[in-house]
């Protein structure tokens, strides 16, 4: 039997998403399909699977990404699906532990890949909000001001996303220095 749950996770909460998916698997609902804020689960033995997710360096259709997915499948992981550059895997717990990142440095590199998204969007929204403010000043058009304000709010949101991810990266770097 399948069960579909709609739930939204923010970009910076990918670790919470993974924890939630593993909580569901511990209850016997294992991820079978994934989409935008949509998770399809199937009944399995409680605790039989571990779920992992990762943002790939390139699109999932890229040959390097396809090679990486095949490599993980050769280790016993099942490729559940992808959403944008995110890839979702599950592995039977009888086959041992399942971790996509072998050390702190690989986790930091993963966070760096994720940080690219809010960085680009922040630059885009800031530049465009400036442009719309300039249009408003020149034309005194309320429509231009509304667009400028909307883009400014989006800029703040992207800044928040960037800061949340950047702080996670700083904590990982600090932790890695403690173990050196």
Protein backbone atom coordinates (compact mmCIF):
# COMPACT_ATOMS: atom_id res chain seq x y z
CA UNK A 1 0.00 0.00 0.00
CA UNK A 2 1.24 3.49 -0.80
CA UNK A 3 0.75 6.71 1.11
CA UNK A 4 1.40 10.20 -0.23
CA UNK A 5 2.37 13.03 2.11
CA UNK A 6 2.79 16.65 1.03
CA UNK A 7 5.37 18.47 3.12
CA UNK A 8 7.64 21.42 2.38
CA UNK A 9 11.24 21.67 3.54
CA UNK A 10 13.34 24.78 3.00
CA UNK A 11 16.68 24.50 1.25
CA UNK A 12 18.61 24.93 4.50
CA UNK A 13 16.59 22.16 6.20
CA UNK A 14 17.78 19.31 3.99
CA UNK A 15 19.14 17.54 7.08
CA UNK A 16 15.71 17.82 8.76
CA UNK A 17 14.13 16.41 5.61
CA UNK A 18 16.49 13.43 5.72
CA UNK A 19 15.82 12.92 9.44
CA UNK A 20 12.05 13.00 8.82
CA UNK A 21 12.35 10.48 5.98
CA UNK A 22 14.32 8.18 8.28
CA UNK A 23 11.74 8.61 11.06
CA UNK A 24 9.06 7.55 8.58
CA UNK A 25 11.19 4.54 7.55
CA UNK A 26 11.59 3.60 11.22
CA UNK A 27 7.78 3.47 11.39
CA UNK A 28 7.59 1.24 8.32
CA UNK A 29 6.83 3.90 5.70
CA UNK A 30 9.75 3.93 3.27
CA UNK A 31 10.22 6.56 0.59
CA UNK A 32 9.31 5.21 -2.86
CA UNK A 33 8.91 8.40 -4.95
CA UNK A 34 9.75 12.06 -4.50
CA UNK A 35 8.59 15.31 -6.09
CA UNK A 36 8.10 18.95 -5.14
CA UNK A 37 6.86 18.83 -1.53
CA UNK A 38 5.46 15.36 -2.33
CA UNK A 39 6.64 12.13 -0.84
CA UNK A 40 5.20 8.73 -1.72
CA UNK A 41 5.83 6.02 0.84
CA UNK A 42 5.36 2.27 0.71
CA UNK A 43 4.88 -0.16 3.57
CA UNK A 44 8.02 -2.07 4.55
CA UNK A 45 9.28 -3.58 7.78
CA UNK A 46 9.88 -0.83 10.36
CA UNK A 47 13.53 0.20 10.44
CA UNK A 48 14.44 -1.87 7.38
CA UNK A 49 15.79 1.06 5.37
CA UNK A 50 17.92 4.16 5.74
CA UNK A 51 17.29 7.16 3.50
CA UNK A 52 19.94 9.59 2.29
CA UNK A 53 19.74 12.65 0.07
CA UNK A 54 22.36 14.75 -1.61
CA UNK A 55 22.60 17.71 -3.93
CA UNK A 56 24.64 16.64 -6.93
CA UNK A 57 27.34 18.81 -8.49
CA UNK A 58 25.67 18.54 -11.89
CA UNK A 59 22.15 17.82 -13.07
CA UNK A 60 21.04 14.19 -12.50
CA UNK A 61 20.95 13.59 -16.27
CA UNK A 62 24.64 14.57 -16.64
CA UNK A 63 26.94 11.58 -17.38
CA UNK A 64 29.05 12.24 -14.25
CA UNK A 65 25.94 12.26 -12.09
CA UNK A 66 24.67 9.11 -13.78
CA UNK A 67 28.03 7.41 -13.06
CA UNK A 68 27.79 8.47 -9.40
CA UNK A 69 24.24 7.14 -9.09
CA UNK A 70 25.29 3.82 -10.69
CA UNK A 71 28.27 3.61 -8.32
CA UNK A 72 25.99 4.01 -5.30
CA UNK A 73 23.57 1.42 -6.71
CA UNK A 74 26.49 -1.01 -7.01
CA UNK A 75 27.04 -0.61 -3.25
CA UNK A 76 23.45 -1.73 -2.61
CA UNK A 77 21.73 1.65 -2.48
CA UNK A 78 18.49 2.10 -4.39
CA UNK A 79 18.02 5.32 -6.35
CA UNK A 80 14.52 6.46 -5.42
CA UNK A 81 14.33 9.59 -7.52
CA UNK A 82 15.50 13.11 -8.09
CA UNK A 83 14.13 16.58 -7.70
CA UNK A 84 16.10 19.34 -9.40
CA UNK A 85 19.71 18.48 -8.40
CA UNK A 86 18.67 16.56 -5.30
CA UNK A 87 18.98 12.80 -5.44
CA UNK A 88 17.31 10.41 -2.98
CA UNK A 89 18.58 6.95 -2.05
CA UNK A 90 17.56 4.19 0.29
CA UNK A 91 19.49 1.19 1.50
CA UNK A 92 18.48 -1.86 3.48
CA UNK A 93 19.82 -1.63 7.04
CA UNK A 94 20.82 -5.33 6.87
CA UNK A 95 23.56 -4.28 4.44
CA UNK A 96 25.32 -2.10 7.03
CA UNK A 97 25.55 1.61 7.65
CA UNK A 98 24.74 4.00 4.85
CA UNK A 99 26.37 7.41 4.64
CA UNK A 100 27.04 9.49 1.54
CA UNK A 101 29.71 11.63 3.17
CA UNK A 102 32.82 9.94 4.49
CA UNK A 103 34.26 12.91 6.37
CA UNK A 104 33.66 16.50 7.45
CA UNK A 105 35.38 17.88 4.36
CA UNK A 106 32.90 16.11 2.04
CA UNK A 107 30.02 17.52 4.12
CA UNK A 108 31.50 21.01 3.77
CA UNK A 109 31.80 20.54 -0.01
CA UNK A 110 28.14 19.49 -0.06
CA UNK A 111 27.13 22.64 1.81
CA UNK A 112 29.20 24.70 -0.64
CA UNK A 113 27.18 23.20 -3.53
CA UNK A 114 23.93 24.09 -1.77
CA UNK A 115 25.16 27.62 -0.96
CA UNK A 116 25.43 28.38 -4.67
CA UNK A 117 21.62 28.54 -5.02
CA UNK A 118 20.85 31.30 -2.50
CA UNK A 119 24.01 33.15 -3.56
CA UNK A 120 22.94 33.35 -7.19
CA UNK A 121 19.32 34.14 -6.31
CA UNK A 122 20.41 36.80 -3.83
CA UNK A 123 22.57 38.53 -6.43
CA UNK A 124 19.76 38.30 -9.00
CA UNK A 125 17.07 39.71 -6.68
CA UNK A 126 19.30 42.48 -5.34
CA UNK A 127 20.32 43.66 -8.80
CA UNK A 128 16.78 43.52 -10.09
CA UNK A 129 15.30 45.29 -7.08
CA UNK A 130 17.81 48.10 -7.59
CA UNK A 131 16.78 48.30 -11.25
CA UNK A 132 13.07 48.50 -10.35
CA UNK A 133 13.73 51.13 -7.68
CA UNK A 134 15.57 53.16 -10.32
CA UNK A 135 12.57 52.79 -12.66
CA UNK A 136 10.25 53.92 -9.88
CA UNK A 137 12.39 57.02 -9.23
CA UNK A 138 12.42 57.89 -12.94
CA UNK A 139 8.71 57.23 -13.65
CA UNK A 140 7.06 57.53 -10.24
CA UNK A 141 5.01 54.42 -11.12
CA UNK A 142 3.53 52.48 -8.19
CA UNK A 143 3.81 49.23 -10.19
CA UNK A 144 7.59 49.63 -10.34
CA UNK A 145 7.69 50.24 -6.60
CA UNK A 146 5.59 47.11 -5.93
CA UNK A 147 7.96 44.95 -7.99
CA UNK A 148 10.97 46.54 -6.26
CA UNK A 149 9.48 45.81 -2.83
CA UNK A 150 8.67 42.22 -3.78
CA UNK A 151 12.22 41.66 -5.04
CA UNK A 152 13.59 43.26 -1.86
CA UNK A 153 11.59 40.83 0.27
CA UNK A 154 12.85 37.94 -1.85
CA UNK A 155 16.38 39.27 -1.37
CA UNK A 156 15.92 39.18 2.40
CA UNK A 157 14.62 35.62 2.18
CA UNK A 158 17.63 34.54 0.08
CA UNK A 159 19.94 36.30 2.53
CA UNK A 160 18.32 34.34 5.36
CA UNK A 161 18.80 31.07 3.43
CA UNK A 162 22.42 31.94 2.73
CA UNK A 163 23.12 32.79 6.38
CA UNK A 164 21.49 29.59 7.65
CA UNK A 165 23.60 27.44 5.31
CA UNK A 166 26.74 29.50 5.93
CA UNK A 167 26.37 29.03 9.70
CA UNK A 168 26.01 25.26 9.21
CA UNK A 169 29.22 25.31 7.19
CA UNK A 170 31.03 27.36 9.87
CA UNK A 171 29.97 24.87 12.55
CA UNK A 172 31.27 21.97 10.47
CA UNK A 173 34.60 23.75 9.92
CA UNK A 174 34.85 24.45 13.64
CA UNK A 175 34.09 20.81 14.44
CA UNK A 176 36.70 19.62 11.94
CA UNK A 177 39.37 21.77 13.61
CA UNK A 178 38.54 20.22 16.98
CA UNK A 179 39.34 16.74 15.65
CA UNK A 180 42.57 17.66 13.88
